[in-house]
Amino acid sequence: MSFLSKKRWHVGNYKNRLKVELAEQEAKEKEEKEKKRLKEINEQKEVLESIEKELGKEKAIEVARQIQTSFVYEPPPGYSVFIEQTTEQKEKKREEEKPKRNNNFKDFKKKLKEDPIKRCGEKDIEQLLI
């Protein structure tokens, strides 16, 4: 009867044992998530109860609303690093462009002074004055 373990419906089949192990792991993970979720809920309740004792019921309700919506206003993880990198890149670009801007302006002044059309106009004015 050793051939029965090779049937796909048999409990001793390797694939079936893997399926059972995976199902058990998933059930264990779900149970851990539920425990974690319950622990977080209990912690929040304790915080709200302590606030209610100290400040009153109205303030506790206000704080509860803030806690519930606080995730909306918090920046996503890694956002501060992204902003730092982009500002550094912008600063580097600005530093690279600064010398170019000054050189471009100086080159423009030189071109104005050495402009051939302007020289021709000056020669014509000199000839008219002479």
C-alpha atoms as a PDB file:
ATOM      1  CA  MET A   1       0.000   0.000   0.000  1.00  0.00           C
ATOM      2  CA  SER A   2       3.004   2.283  -0.347  1.00  0.00           C
ATOM      3  CA  PHE A   3       1.650   3.546  -3.668  1.00  0.00           C
ATOM      4  CA  LEU A   4      -1.095   5.480  -1.849  1.00  0.00           C
ATOM      5  CA  SER A   5       1.356   8.177  -0.712  1.00  0.00           C
ATOM      6  CA  LYS A   6       1.910   9.014  -4.356  1.00  0.00           C
ATOM      7  CA  LYS A   7      -1.746   9.825  -4.965  1.00  0.00           C
ATOM      8  CA  ARG A   8      -2.554  13.528  -5.009  1.00  0.00           C
ATOM      9  CA  TRP A   9      -5.359  13.201  -2.465  1.00  0.00           C
ATOM     10  CA  HIS A  10      -3.257  11.307   0.093  1.00  0.00           C
ATOM     11  CA  VAL A  11      -2.236  13.086   3.313  1.00  0.00           C
ATOM     12  CA  GLY A  12       1.317  11.757   3.163  1.00  0.00           C
ATOM     13  CA  ASN A  13       1.972  13.257  -0.286  1.00  0.00           C
ATOM     14  CA  TYR A  14       4.846  15.783  -0.289  1.00  0.00           C
ATOM     15  CA  LYS A  15       2.854  18.529  -1.997  1.00  0.00           C
ATOM     16  CA  ASN A  16      -0.037  18.076   0.409  1.00  0.00           C
ATOM     17  CA  ARG A  17       2.298  18.312   3.394  1.00  0.00           C
ATOM     18  CA  LEU A  18       3.719  21.566   1.966  1.00  0.00           C
ATOM     19  CA  LYS A  19       0.226  22.953   1.561  1.00  0.00           C
ATOM     20  CA  VAL A  20      -0.584  22.100   5.163  1.00  0.00           C
ATOM     21  CA  GLU A  21       2.627  23.753   6.409  1.00  0.00           C
ATOM     22  CA  LEU A  22       1.925  26.909   4.392  1.00  0.00           C
ATOM     23  CA  ALA A  23      -1.646  27.054   5.687  1.00  0.00           C
ATOM     24  CA  GLU A  24      -0.400  26.680   9.271  1.00  0.00           C
ATOM     25  CA  GLN A  25       2.158  29.474   8.771  1.00  0.00           C
ATOM     26  CA  GLU A  26      -0.491  31.786   7.320  1.00  0.00           C
ATOM     27  CA  ALA A  27      -2.817  31.052  10.232  1.00  0.00           C
ATOM     28  CA  LYS A  28       0.006  31.785  12.676  1.00  0.00           C
ATOM     29  CA  GLU A  29       0.826  35.090  10.930  1.00  0.00           C
ATOM     30  CA  LYS A  30      -2.839  36.133  10.991  1.00  0.00           C
ATOM     31  CA  GLU A  31      -3.011  35.339  14.690  1.00  0.00           C
ATOM     32  CA  GLU A  32       0.120  37.411  15.370  1.00  0.00           C
ATOM     33  CA  LYS A  33      -1.303  40.334  13.390  1.00  0.00           C
ATOM     34  CA  GLU A  34      -4.522  40.188  15.369  1.00  0.00           C
ATOM     35  CA  LYS A  35      -2.597  40.144  18.645  1.00  0.00           C
ATOM     36  CA  LYS A  36      -0.527  43.112  17.529  1.00  0.00           C
ATOM     37  CA  ARG A  37      -3.629  45.000  16.432  1.00  0.00           C
ATOM     38  CA  LEU A  38      -5.374  44.317  19.747  1.00  0.00           C
ATOM     39  CA  LYS A  39      -2.281  45.453  21.641  1.00  0.00           C
ATOM     40  CA  GLU A  40      -2.220  48.745  19.693  1.00  0.00           C
ATOM     41  CA  ILE A  41      -5.918  49.291  20.320  1.00  0.00           C
ATOM     42  CA  ASN A  42      -5.469  48.664  24.038  1.00  0.00           C
ATOM     43  CA  GLU A  43      -2.549  51.093  24.179  1.00  0.00           C
ATOM     44  CA  GLN A  44      -4.630  53.773  22.457  1.00  0.00           C
ATOM     45  CA  LYS A  45      -7.480  53.177  24.874  1.00  0.00           C
ATOM     46  CA  GLU A  46      -5.117  53.541  27.819  1.00  0.00           C
ATOM     47  CA  VAL A  47      -3.732  56.803  26.453  1.00  0.00           C
ATOM     48  CA  LEU A  48      -7.216  58.180  25.878  1.00  0.00           C
ATOM     49  CA  GLU A  49      -8.348  57.125  29.349  1.00  0.00           C
ATOM     50  CA  SER A  50      -5.364  58.850  30.947  1.00  0.00           C
ATOM     51  CA  ILE A  51      -6.045  62.010  28.916  1.00  0.00           C
ATOM     52  CA  GLU A  52      -9.700  61.855  29.894  1.00  0.00           C
ATOM     53  CA  LYS A  53      -8.769  61.622  33.576  1.00  0.00           C
ATOM     54  CA  GLU A  54      -6.355  64.550  33.328  1.00  0.00           C
ATOM     55  CA  LEU A  55      -8.090  66.955  30.959  1.00  0.00           C
ATOM     56  CA  GLY A  56     -11.697  65.870  30.672  1.00  0.00           C
ATOM     57  CA  LYS A  57     -13.943  64.111  28.211  1.00  0.00           C
ATOM     58  CA  GLU A  58     -14.095  66.865  25.565  1.00  0.00           C
ATOM     59  CA  LYS A  59     -10.329  67.148  25.300  1.00  0.00           C
ATOM     60  CA  ALA A  60     -10.050  63.341  25.115  1.00  0.00           C
ATOM     61  CA  ILE A  61     -12.451  63.271  22.161  1.00  0.00           C
ATOM     62  CA  GLU A  62     -10.425  65.984  20.440  1.00  0.00           C
ATOM     63  CA  VAL A  63      -7.164  64.099  20.974  1.00  0.00           C
ATOM     64  CA  ALA A  64      -8.755  60.868  19.717  1.00  0.00           C
ATOM     65  CA  ARG A  65      -9.735  62.571  16.471  1.00  0.00           C
ATOM     66  CA  GLN A  66      -6.224  63.928  16.065  1.00  0.00           C
ATOM     67  CA  ILE A  67      -4.718  60.498  16.651  1.00  0.00           C
ATOM     68  CA  GLN A  68      -7.060  58.884  14.141  1.00  0.00           C
ATOM     69  CA  THR A  69      -6.162  61.351  11.396  1.00  0.00           C
ATOM     70  CA  SER A  70      -2.526  61.969  12.291  1.00  0.00           C
ATOM     71  CA  PHE A  71      -1.254  59.478   9.721  1.00  0.00           C
ATOM     72  CA  VAL A  72      -2.677  61.662   6.965  1.00  0.00           C
ATOM     73  CA  TYR A  73      -0.535  64.622   7.951  1.00  0.00           C
ATOM     74  CA  GLU A  74       2.693  62.763   8.618  1.00  0.00           C
ATOM     75  CA  PRO A  75       5.148  62.639   5.740  1.00  0.00           C
ATOM     76  CA  PRO A  76       5.744  59.215   4.225  1.00  0.00           C
ATOM     77  CA  PRO A  77       8.835  57.293   5.303  1.00  0.00           C
ATOM     78  CA  GLY A  78      11.938  58.395   3.437  1.00  0.00           C
ATOM     79  CA  TYR A  79      10.437  61.740   2.448  1.00  0.00           C
ATOM     80  CA  SER A  80      12.902  63.804   4.497  1.00  0.00           C
ATOM     81  CA  VAL A  81      15.831  61.980   2.895  1.00  0.00           C
ATOM     82  CA  PHE A  82      14.355  62.664  -0.546  1.00  0.00           C
ATOM     83  CA  ILE A  83      13.993  66.382   0.213  1.00  0.00           C
ATOM     84  CA  GLU A  84      17.573  66.583   1.491  1.00  0.00           C
ATOM     85  CA  GLN A  85      18.877  64.926  -1.669  1.00  0.00           C
ATOM     86  CA  THR A  86      16.889  67.196  -3.969  1.00  0.00           C
ATOM     87  CA  THR A  87      17.991  70.351  -2.132  1.00  0.00           C
ATOM     88  CA  GLU A  88      21.620  69.220  -2.325  1.00  0.00           C
ATOM     89  CA  GLN A  89      21.243  68.611  -6.051  1.00  0.00           C
ATOM     90  CA  LYS A  90      19.648  72.038  -6.553  1.00  0.00           C
ATOM     91  CA  GLU A  91      22.453  73.731  -4.618  1.00  0.00           C
ATOM     92  CA  LYS A  92      25.085  71.949  -6.715  1.00  0.00           C
ATOM     93  CA  LYS A  93      23.355  73.053  -9.913  1.00  0.00           C
ATOM     94  CA  ARG A  94      23.204  76.643  -8.682  1.00  0.00           C
ATOM     95  CA  GLU A  95      26.895  76.597  -7.785  1.00  0.00           C
ATOM     96  CA  GLU A  96      27.759  75.239 -11.211  1.00  0.00           C
ATOM     97  CA  GLU A  97      25.641  77.878 -12.953  1.00  0.00           C
ATOM     98  CA  LYS A  98      26.970  80.859 -10.983  1.00  0.00           C
ATOM     99  CA  PRO A  99      30.364  81.058 -12.693  1.00  0.00           C
ATOM    100  CA  LYS A 100      28.757  80.518 -16.056  1.00  0.00           C
ATOM    101  CA  ARG A 101      26.391  83.401 -15.519  1.00  0.00           C
ATOM    102  CA  ASN A 102      29.201  85.798 -14.631  1.00  0.00           C
ATOM    103  CA  ASN A 103      31.299  84.663 -17.579  1.00  0.00           C
ATOM    104  CA  ASN A 104      28.351  85.007 -19.927  1.00  0.00           C
ATOM    105  CA  PHE A 105      27.756  88.570 -18.769  1.00  0.00           C
ATOM    106  CA  LYS A 106      31.454  89.444 -19.181  1.00  0.00           C
ATOM    107  CA  ASP A 107      31.502  87.873 -22.637  1.00  0.00           C
ATOM    108  CA  PHE A 108      28.433  89.875 -23.560  1.00  0.00           C
ATOM    109  CA  LYS A 109      30.135  93.115 -22.450  1.00  0.00           C
ATOM    110  CA  LYS A 110      33.208  92.240 -24.531  1.00  0.00           C
ATOM    111  CA  LYS A 111      31.056  91.547 -27.566  1.00  0.00           C
ATOM    112  CA  LEU A 112      29.326  94.874 -27.134  1.00  0.00           C
ATOM    113  CA  LYS A 113      32.654  96.678 -26.991  1.00  0.00           C
ATOM    114  CA  GLU A 114      34.039  94.783 -29.965  1.00  0.00           C
ATOM    115  CA  ASP A 115      30.859  94.843 -32.031  1.00  0.00           C
ATOM    116  CA  PRO A 116      31.843  95.463 -35.704  1.00  0.00           C
ATOM    117  CA  ILE A 117      28.607  97.259 -36.482  1.00  0.00           C
ATOM    118  CA  LYS A 118      29.191  99.598 -33.601  1.00  0.00           C
ATOM    119  CA  ARG A 119      32.756 100.209 -34.857  1.00  0.00           C
ATOM    120  CA  CYS A 120      31.466 100.994 -38.336  1.00  0.00           C
ATOM    121  CA  GLY A 121      29.016 103.438 -36.858  1.00  0.00           C
ATOM    122  CA  GLU A 122      31.802 105.102 -34.855  1.00  0.00           C
ATOM    123  CA  LYS A 123      33.988 105.384 -37.994  1.00  0.00           C
ATOM    124  CA  ASP A 124      31.129 106.986 -39.899  1.00  0.00           C
ATOM    125  CA  ILE A 125      30.574 109.461 -37.097  1.00  0.00           C
ATOM    126  CA  GLU A 126      34.301 110.252 -37.011  1.00  0.00           C
ATOM    127  CA  GLN A 127      34.334 110.842 -40.783  1.00  0.00           C
ATOM    128  CA  LEU A 128      31.340 113.120 -40.509  1.00  0.00           C
ATOM    129  CA  LEU A 129      32.972 115.115 -37.719  1.00  0.00           C
ATOM    130  CA  ILE A 130      36.245 115.553 -39.629  1.00  0.00           C
END
